[in-house]
C-alpha atoms as a PDB file:
ATOM      1  CA  VAL A   1     -11.212  -9.242 -27.335  1.00  0.00           C
ATOM      2  CA  GLY A   2      -9.526  -6.335 -28.321  1.00  0.00           C
ATOM      3  CA  ALA A   3      -7.121  -3.986 -26.133  1.00  0.00           C
ATOM      4  CA  VAL A   4      -5.401  -0.534 -27.094  1.00  0.00           C
ATOM      5  CA  ARG A   5      -2.835   1.346 -25.183  1.00  0.00           C
ATOM      6  CA  LEU A   6      -2.935   4.873 -25.573  1.00  0.00           C
ATOM      7  CA  ARG A   7       0.614   6.313 -25.301  1.00  0.00           C
ATOM      8  CA  GLY A   8       0.714   9.265 -22.885  1.00  0.00           C
ATOM      9  CA  ALA A   9      -2.669   9.043 -22.107  1.00  0.00           C
ATOM     10  CA  ALA A  10      -2.706  10.812 -18.708  1.00  0.00           C
ATOM     11  CA  HIS A  11      -5.890   9.353 -17.204  1.00  0.00           C
ATOM     12  CA  ARG A  12      -5.390   5.650 -17.659  1.00  0.00           C
ATOM     13  CA  PRO A  13      -2.434   3.643 -16.237  1.00  0.00           C
ATOM     14  CA  ALA A  14      -0.362   2.529 -19.088  1.00  0.00           C
ATOM     15  CA  PRO A  15       2.249  -0.046 -18.156  1.00  0.00           C
ATOM     16  CA  SER A  16       4.876  -0.933 -20.671  1.00  0.00           C
ATOM     17  CA  LEU A  17       5.149  -4.530 -19.930  1.00  0.00           C
ATOM     18  CA  PHE A  18       2.532  -6.461 -18.079  1.00  0.00           C
ATOM     19  CA  TYR A  19      -0.975  -5.440 -16.927  1.00  0.00           C
ATOM     20  CA  MET A  20      -2.893  -7.465 -14.543  1.00  0.00           C
ATOM     21  CA  PRO A  21      -6.805  -6.950 -14.816  1.00  0.00           C
ATOM     22  CA  GLY A  22      -9.014  -6.735 -11.665  1.00  0.00           C
ATOM     23  CA  LEU A  23      -6.622  -4.476  -9.357  1.00  0.00           C
ATOM     24  CA  ALA A  24      -8.283  -1.290  -8.013  1.00  0.00           C
ATOM     25  CA  SER A  25      -6.599   1.420 -10.283  1.00  0.00           C
ATOM     26  CA  ARG A  26      -6.233   4.795  -9.032  1.00  0.00           C
ATOM     27  CA  ALA A  27      -3.416   7.429  -9.285  1.00  0.00           C
ATOM     28  CA  ASP A  28      -3.652   9.102  -6.115  1.00  0.00           C
ATOM     29  CA  TRP A  29      -4.158   6.897  -3.329  1.00  0.00           C
ATOM     30  CA  GLY A  30      -4.559   9.589  -0.580  1.00  0.00           C
ATOM     31  CA  GLY A  31      -1.650   8.879   1.783  1.00  0.00           C
ATOM     32  CA  ALA A  32      -1.990   6.568   4.509  1.00  0.00           C
ATOM     33  CA  ALA A  33      -5.269   7.696   5.296  1.00  0.00           C
ATOM     34  CA  GLY A  34      -6.535   6.791   2.088  1.00  0.00           C
ATOM     35  CA  LEU A  35      -4.965   3.199   2.489  1.00  0.00           C
ATOM     36  CA  GLU A  36      -6.894   3.180   5.924  1.00  0.00           C
ATOM     37  CA  ARG A  37     -10.411   4.175   4.367  1.00  0.00           C
ATOM     38  CA  ARG A  38      -9.926   1.535   1.434  1.00  0.00           C
ATOM     39  CA  GLY A  39      -9.368  -1.464   4.385  1.00  0.00           C
ATOM     40  CA  PHE A  40      -5.562  -1.567   4.254  1.00  0.00           C
ATOM     41  CA  ALA A  41      -4.800  -0.928   7.920  1.00  0.00           C
ATOM     42  CA  GLU A  42      -1.789  -2.624   8.375  1.00  0.00           C
ATOM     43  CA  LEU A  43      -0.092  -1.094   5.499  1.00  0.00           C
ATOM     44  CA  ALA A  44      -1.397   2.293   6.635  1.00  0.00           C
ATOM     45  CA  ALA A  45       0.185   2.007   9.956  1.00  0.00           C
ATOM     46  CA  ALA A  46       3.417   1.037   8.237  1.00  0.00           C
ATOM     47  CA  VAL A  47       3.498   4.583   6.353  1.00  0.00           C
ATOM     48  CA  TRP A  48       2.458   6.423   9.649  1.00  0.00           C
ATOM     49  CA  ARG A  49       5.417   5.029  11.442  1.00  0.00           C
ATOM     50  CA  MET A  50       7.709   6.104   8.598  1.00  0.00           C
ATOM     51  CA  GLU A  51       5.732   9.781   8.786  1.00  0.00           C
ATOM     52  CA  ALA A  52       6.447   9.581  12.607  1.00  0.00           C
ATOM     53  CA  SER A  53      10.532   8.683  12.264  1.00  0.00           C
ATOM     54  CA  ALA A  54      11.160  11.254   9.131  1.00  0.00           C
ATOM     55  CA  ASP A  55      13.433  13.086  11.374  1.00  0.00           C
ATOM     56  CA  TRP A  56      15.375   9.995  11.986  1.00  0.00           C
ATOM     57  CA  LEU A  57      15.187   8.870   8.232  1.00  0.00           C
ATOM     58  CA  ARG A  58      16.575  12.028   7.085  1.00  0.00           C
ATOM     59  CA  ASP A  59      19.421  12.123  10.035  1.00  0.00           C
ATOM     60  CA  GLU A  60      20.203   8.401   9.097  1.00  0.00           C
ATOM     61  CA  TYR A  61      20.416   9.302   5.373  1.00  0.00           C
ATOM     62  CA  ALA A  62      22.724  12.299   5.919  1.00  0.00           C
ATOM     63  CA  ALA A  63      24.888  10.151   8.054  1.00  0.00           C
ATOM     64  CA  ALA A  64      25.148   7.298   5.540  1.00  0.00           C
ATOM     65  CA  LYS A  65      26.044   9.791   2.987  1.00  0.00           C
ATOM     66  CA  ALA A  66      28.835  11.283   5.061  1.00  0.00           C
ATOM     67  CA  ALA A  67      30.356   8.119   6.004  1.00  0.00           C
ATOM     68  CA  ARG A  68      30.397   7.120   2.339  1.00  0.00           C
ATOM     69  CA  ALA A  69      32.379  10.183   1.527  1.00  0.00           C
ATOM     70  CA  ARG A  70      34.685   9.608   4.479  1.00  0.00           C
ATOM     71  CA  ASP A  71      35.469   5.867   3.347  1.00  0.00           C
ATOM     72  CA  GLY A  72      35.829   7.245  -0.557  1.00  0.00           C
ATOM     73  CA  ARG A  73      33.050   5.362  -1.812  1.00  0.00           C
ATOM     74  CA  GLY A  74      30.561   6.574  -4.346  1.00  0.00           C
ATOM     75  CA  ALA A  75      27.712   8.737  -2.891  1.00  0.00           C
ATOM     76  CA  SER A  76      25.102   7.003  -4.812  1.00  0.00           C
ATOM     77  CA  ASP A  77      23.990   3.307  -5.898  1.00  0.00           C
ATOM     78  CA  TYR A  78      22.116   4.528  -8.974  1.00  0.00           C
ATOM     79  CA  ALA A  79      24.031   3.406 -12.112  1.00  0.00           C
ATOM     80  CA  ASP A  80      22.443   4.719 -15.250  1.00  0.00           C
ATOM     81  CA  ALA A  81      23.641   2.830 -18.392  1.00  0.00           C
ATOM     82  CA  GLY A  82      21.541   4.744 -20.936  1.00  0.00           C
ATOM     83  CA  GLU A  83      18.745   2.245 -20.814  1.00  0.00           C
ATOM     84  CA  HIS A  84      15.875   4.543 -20.741  1.00  0.00           C
ATOM     85  CA  GLY A  85      17.306   8.029 -20.399  1.00  0.00           C
ATOM     86  CA  LEU A  86      14.875   9.285 -18.456  1.00  0.00           C
ATOM     87  CA  HIS A  87      16.219  11.725 -16.073  1.00  0.00           C
ATOM     88  CA  GLY A  88      18.700  14.765 -16.305  1.00  0.00           C
ATOM     89  CA  GLY A  89      20.936  16.331 -13.706  1.00  0.00           C
ATOM     90  CA  ASP A  90      21.883  14.718 -10.214  1.00  0.00           C
ATOM     91  CA  TRP A  91      19.813  11.881  -9.143  1.00  0.00           C
ATOM     92  CA  ASN A  92      21.529   9.699  -6.239  1.00  0.00           C
ATOM     93  CA  TRP A  93      20.293   6.660  -4.848  1.00  0.00           C
ATOM     94  CA  LEU A  94      20.960   4.625  -1.182  1.00  0.00           C
ATOM     95  CA  THR A  95      19.425   1.497  -2.015  1.00  0.00           C
ATOM     96  CA  TYR A  96      17.898  -0.885   0.285  1.00  0.00           C
ATOM     97  CA  VAL A  97      15.984  -3.334  -2.274  1.00  0.00           C
ATOM     98  CA  ASP A  98      17.246  -3.043  -5.909  1.00  0.00           C
ATOM     99  CA  LYS A  99      15.284  -4.806  -8.496  1.00  0.00           C
ATOM    100  CA  GLY A 100      13.805  -7.288  -5.721  1.00  0.00           C
ATOM    101  CA  ALA A 101      16.974  -7.864  -4.021  1.00  0.00           C
ATOM    102  CA  VAL A 102      17.752  -6.690  -0.323  1.00  0.00           C
ATOM    103  CA  SER A 103      21.196  -5.055   0.173  1.00  0.00           C
ATOM    104  CA  GLU A 104      23.483  -6.599   2.696  1.00  0.00           C
ATOM    105  CA  THR A 105      25.217  -3.258   3.555  1.00  0.00           C
ATOM    106  CA  PHE A 106      22.207  -0.902   3.905  1.00  0.00           C
ATOM    107  CA  ALA A 107      21.127  -2.203   7.293  1.00  0.00           C
ATOM    108  CA  ARG A 108      24.444  -0.975   8.395  1.00  0.00           C
ATOM    109  CA  GLU A 109      24.566   2.368   6.992  1.00  0.00           C
ATOM    110  CA  ALA A 110      20.849   3.018   7.933  1.00  0.00           C
ATOM    111  CA  PRO A 111      19.717   0.352  10.823  1.00  0.00           C
ATOM    112  CA  VAL A 112      16.604   2.368  11.994  1.00  0.00           C
ATOM    113  CA  THR A 113      15.210   2.783   8.288  1.00  0.00           C
ATOM    114  CA  ALA A 114      16.107  -1.073   7.324  1.00  0.00           C
ATOM    115  CA  GLN A 115      14.292  -2.156  10.471  1.00  0.00           C
ATOM    116  CA  LEU A 116      10.938   0.085   9.304  1.00  0.00           C
ATOM    117  CA  LEU A 117      11.364  -1.210   5.779  1.00  0.00           C
ATOM    118  CA  ALA A 118      11.569  -4.446   6.799  1.00  0.00           C
ATOM    119  CA  SER A 119       8.148  -4.042   8.594  1.00  0.00           C
ATOM    120  CA  VAL A 120       6.115  -2.911   5.735  1.00  0.00           C
ATOM    121  CA  PRO A 121       3.531  -5.386   5.270  1.00  0.00           C
ATOM    122  CA  ARG A 122       4.076  -7.143   1.540  1.00  0.00           C
ATOM    123  CA  LEU A 123       7.348  -4.898   0.944  1.00  0.00           C
ATOM    124  CA  MET A 124       7.860  -5.902  -2.815  1.00  0.00           C
ATOM    125  CA  THR A 125      10.698  -7.933  -2.601  1.00  0.00           C
ATOM    126  CA  GLU A 126      12.027 -11.007  -4.914  1.00  0.00           C
ATOM    127  CA  SER A 127      10.324  -9.330  -7.802  1.00  0.00           C
ATOM    128  CA  PRO A 128      12.274  -7.141 -10.275  1.00  0.00           C
ATOM    129  CA  PHE A 129      10.232  -4.761 -10.049  1.00  0.00           C
ATOM    130  CA  GLY A 130      10.310  -4.167  -6.412  1.00  0.00           C
ATOM    131  CA  PHE A 131      12.578  -1.098  -5.141  1.00  0.00           C
ATOM    132  CA  ALA A 132      13.538   0.807  -1.715  1.00  0.00           C
ATOM    133  CA  PHE A 133      15.995   3.424  -1.631  1.00  0.00           C
ATOM    134  CA  PHE A 134      16.693   7.141  -0.452  1.00  0.00           C
ATOM    135  CA  SER A 135      16.384   9.244  -3.670  1.00  0.00           C
ATOM    136  CA  ALA A 136      18.129  12.424  -3.912  1.00  0.00           C
ATOM    137  CA  LEU A 137      17.019  14.638  -6.825  1.00  0.00           C
ATOM    138  CA  GLY A 138      19.345  17.620  -7.266  1.00  0.00           C
ATOM    139  CA  PRO A 139      18.502  20.951  -7.995  1.00  0.00           C
ATOM    140  CA  GLY A 140      17.719  21.707 -11.624  1.00  0.00           C
ATOM    141  CA  ALA A 141      17.097  17.955 -12.207  1.00  0.00           C
ATOM    142  CA  GLU A 142      14.103  16.258 -13.570  1.00  0.00           C
ATOM    143  CA  ILE A 143      12.623  12.549 -14.270  1.00  0.00           C
ATOM    144  CA  ARG A 144      10.743  12.661 -17.499  1.00  0.00           C
ATOM    145  CA  PRO A 145       7.282  11.301 -18.017  1.00  0.00           C
ATOM    146  CA  HIS A 146       6.869   7.552 -17.790  1.00  0.00           C
ATOM    147  CA  CYS A 147       4.870   4.874 -16.604  1.00  0.00           C
ATOM    148  CA  SER A 148       5.914   1.716 -14.597  1.00  0.00           C
ATOM    149  CA  PRO A 149       6.396  -1.501 -16.544  1.00  0.00           C
ATOM    150  CA  MET A 150       3.227  -3.500 -14.700  1.00  0.00           C
ATOM    151  CA  ASN A 151       0.405  -2.336 -12.426  1.00  0.00           C
ATOM    152  CA  LEU A 152       1.531  -4.727  -9.591  1.00  0.00           C
ATOM    153  CA  ARG A 153       2.817  -2.003  -7.229  1.00  0.00           C
ATOM    154  CA  VAL A 154       1.819   0.818  -5.010  1.00  0.00           C
ATOM    155  CA  ARG A 155       4.686   3.213  -4.468  1.00  0.00           C
ATOM    156  CA  VAL A 156       5.261   5.324  -1.285  1.00  0.00           C
ATOM    157  CA  HIS A 157       7.045   8.633  -1.100  1.00  0.00           C
ATOM    158  CA  VAL A 158       8.323   9.697   2.350  1.00  0.00           C
ATOM    159  CA  PRO A 159       9.504  13.213   1.915  1.00  0.00           C
ATOM    160  CA  LEU A 160      12.531  13.860   4.225  1.00  0.00           C
ATOM    161  CA  VAL A 161      14.037  17.278   2.607  1.00  0.00           C
ATOM    162  CA  VAL A 162      11.819  19.225   0.298  1.00  0.00           C
ATOM    163  CA  PRO A 163      13.899  22.723  -0.782  1.00  0.00           C
ATOM    164  CA  GLU A 164      12.318  26.081  -1.577  1.00  0.00           C
ATOM    165  CA  GLY A 165      11.145  26.622  -4.969  1.00  0.00           C
ATOM    166  CA  ASP A 166       8.979  24.677  -7.385  1.00  0.00           C
ATOM    167  CA  VAL A 167       9.461  20.967  -6.494  1.00  0.00           C
ATOM    168  CA  GLY A 168       6.778  18.628  -7.585  1.00  0.00           C
ATOM    169  CA  LEU A 169       5.486  15.405  -8.957  1.00  0.00           C
ATOM    170  CA  GLY A 170       3.298  15.349 -12.090  1.00  0.00           C
ATOM    171  CA  LEU A 171       0.808  12.750 -12.017  1.00  0.00           C
ATOM    172  CA  ALA A 172      -2.171  11.430 -14.341  1.00  0.00           C
ATOM    173  CA  GLY A 173      -2.345  15.035 -15.557  1.00  0.00           C
ATOM    174  CA  GLY A 174      -2.497  16.376 -12.217  1.00  0.00           C
ATOM    175  CA  GLU A 175       0.222  17.471  -9.743  1.00  0.00           C
ATOM    176  CA  LEU A 176       1.070  16.950  -5.992  1.00  0.00           C
ATOM    177  CA  ARG A 177       3.553  18.459  -3.897  1.00  0.00           C
ATOM    178  CA  TRP A 178       5.537  16.699  -1.290  1.00  0.00           C
ATOM    179  CA  GLU A 179       5.642  18.154   2.305  1.00  0.00           C
ATOM    180  CA  PRO A 180       8.558  16.549   4.804  1.00  0.00           C
ATOM    181  CA  GLY A 181       7.139  13.846   6.892  1.00  0.00           C
ATOM    182  CA  LYS A 182       3.811  13.353   5.116  1.00  0.00           C
ATOM    183  CA  ALA A 183       3.702  10.364   2.372  1.00  0.00           C
ATOM    184  CA  LEU A 184       2.355  10.249  -0.756  1.00  0.00           C
ATOM    185  CA  VAL A 185       0.947   6.844  -2.072  1.00  0.00           C
ATOM    186  CA  PHE A 186       0.484   6.283  -5.770  1.00  0.00           C
ATOM    187  CA  ASP A 187       0.368   4.226  -8.685  1.00  0.00           C
ATOM    188  CA  ASP A 188       3.052   4.901 -10.831  1.00  0.00           C
ATOM    189  CA  SER A 189       1.654   2.841 -13.800  1.00  0.00           C
ATOM    190  CA  TYR A 190       0.015   6.436 -14.758  1.00  0.00           C
ATOM    191  CA  VAL A 191       2.040   8.618 -16.445  1.00  0.00           C
ATOM    192  CA  HIS A 192       4.329  10.407 -13.913  1.00  0.00           C
ATOM    193  CA  HIS A 193       7.205  12.775 -13.897  1.00  0.00           C
ATOM    194  CA  VAL A 194       9.242  14.737 -11.133  1.00  0.00           C
ATOM    195  CA  TRP A 195      11.224  18.169 -11.250  1.00  0.00           C
ATOM    196  CA  ASN A 196      13.421  19.760  -8.595  1.00  0.00           C
ATOM    197  CA  ARG A 197      13.674  23.800  -9.407  1.00  0.00           C
ATOM    198  CA  GLY A 198      14.461  24.368  -6.028  1.00  0.00           C
ATOM    199  CA  ASP A 199      17.544  25.596  -3.997  1.00  0.00           C
ATOM    200  CA  GLY A 200      18.622  22.192  -2.753  1.00  0.00           C
ATOM    201  CA  ASP A 201      18.326  18.486  -2.969  1.00  0.00           C
ATOM    202  CA  ARG A 202      15.060  16.917  -2.487  1.00  0.00           C
ATOM    203  CA  VAL A 203      15.208  13.662  -0.504  1.00  0.00           C
ATOM    204  CA  LEU A 204      12.422  10.954   0.194  1.00  0.00           C
ATOM    205  CA  LEU A 205      12.338   7.350   0.928  1.00  0.00           C
ATOM    206  CA  LEU A 206      10.828   5.543  -1.779  1.00  0.00           C
ATOM    207  CA  PHE A 207       9.549   1.916  -1.679  1.00  0.00           C
ATOM    208  CA  ASP A 208       7.192  -0.284  -3.083  1.00  0.00           C
ATOM    209  CA  VAL A 209       5.098  -2.961  -1.693  1.00  0.00           C
ATOM    210  CA  TRP A 210       2.647  -5.239  -3.856  1.00  0.00           C
ATOM    211  CA  HIS A 211      -0.609  -3.979  -4.846  1.00  0.00           C
ATOM    212  CA  PRO A 212      -3.187  -4.219  -1.858  1.00  0.00           C
ATOM    213  CA  ASP A 213      -5.533  -6.343  -4.171  1.00  0.00           C
ATOM    214  CA  LEU A 214      -3.253  -9.126  -4.687  1.00  0.00           C
ATOM    215  CA  HIS A 215      -3.499 -12.452  -2.892  1.00  0.00           C
ATOM    216  CA  ASP A 216      -0.482 -14.138  -1.459  1.00  0.00           C
ATOM    217  CA  GLU A 217      -0.913 -17.061  -4.089  1.00  0.00           C
ATOM    218  CA  GLU A 218      -0.832 -14.285  -7.003  1.00  0.00           C
ATOM    219  CA  ILE A 219       2.068 -12.905  -5.680  1.00  0.00           C
ATOM    220  CA  GLU A 220       3.995 -16.176  -5.574  1.00  0.00           C
ATOM    221  CA  ALA A 221       2.802 -16.775  -8.819  1.00  0.00           C
ATOM    222  CA  ILE A 222       3.694 -13.558 -10.177  1.00  0.00           C
ATOM    223  CA  LYS A 223       7.646 -13.872  -8.427  1.00  0.00           C
ATOM    224  CA  ALA A 224       7.731 -17.297 -10.168  1.00  0.00           C
ATOM    225  CA  MET A 225       6.941 -15.991 -13.625  1.00  0.00           C
ATOM    226  CA  PHE A 226       9.649 -13.505 -13.654  1.00  0.00           C
ATOM    227  CA  ALA A 227      12.149 -15.361 -11.441  1.00  0.00           C
ATOM    228  CA  PRO A 228      15.898 -14.737 -13.513  1.00  0.00           C
ATOM    229  CA  ASP A 229      15.990 -18.516 -13.793  1.00  0.00           C
ATOM    230  CA  ARG A 230      12.707 -19.354 -15.125  1.00  0.00           C
ATOM    231  CA  GLY A 231      12.994 -21.766 -17.958  1.00  0.00           C
ATOM    232  CA  SER A 232      16.806 -22.437 -17.738  1.00  0.00           C
END
């Protein structure tokens, strides 16, 4: 039995750490409608709720950012320790889930957003691969081509602010554009990159869900496999 990983191959998933065979593999899942067509109605409904709440989410993000400024706190939870050097320019996060851990303060900063995220079926928590956060990419910023470390998740973008200009997501050799209130659902184990050549911040709510093909017992086994105290 042999396996080959082609670095930079656009049309195949290329996770850098862990690959689970047998999961449906598609770069662009086609938004909430695509999830529903494939039989994942509960997840589709959660994404539609996010879309319907996009104006509220945008306002909560702005209010949380302003409250942090008034309190003299940092505007971003993102800390680039130079571990990957993926991005250039300003990239700011307000985080609900960071490497699987749920923030205790986010619900106070953005209560409606926190409630909506908590209601997402099989939101990816208790795993180092799970994230959920407001993502603000500044004008002139980019996130260079990369793949996620595994194929265990599907990622959702709910666009809240999309500036005028050239702003987009390159995915698997193609290109997607954000529209406020219209979610993108995609597999980030495919090569992807992001750019903002617009005239202001691009703001979206990003969150990860366990791959819909995974069974509950498989998810529990994966959590145990990557638990921080495993083997201690």
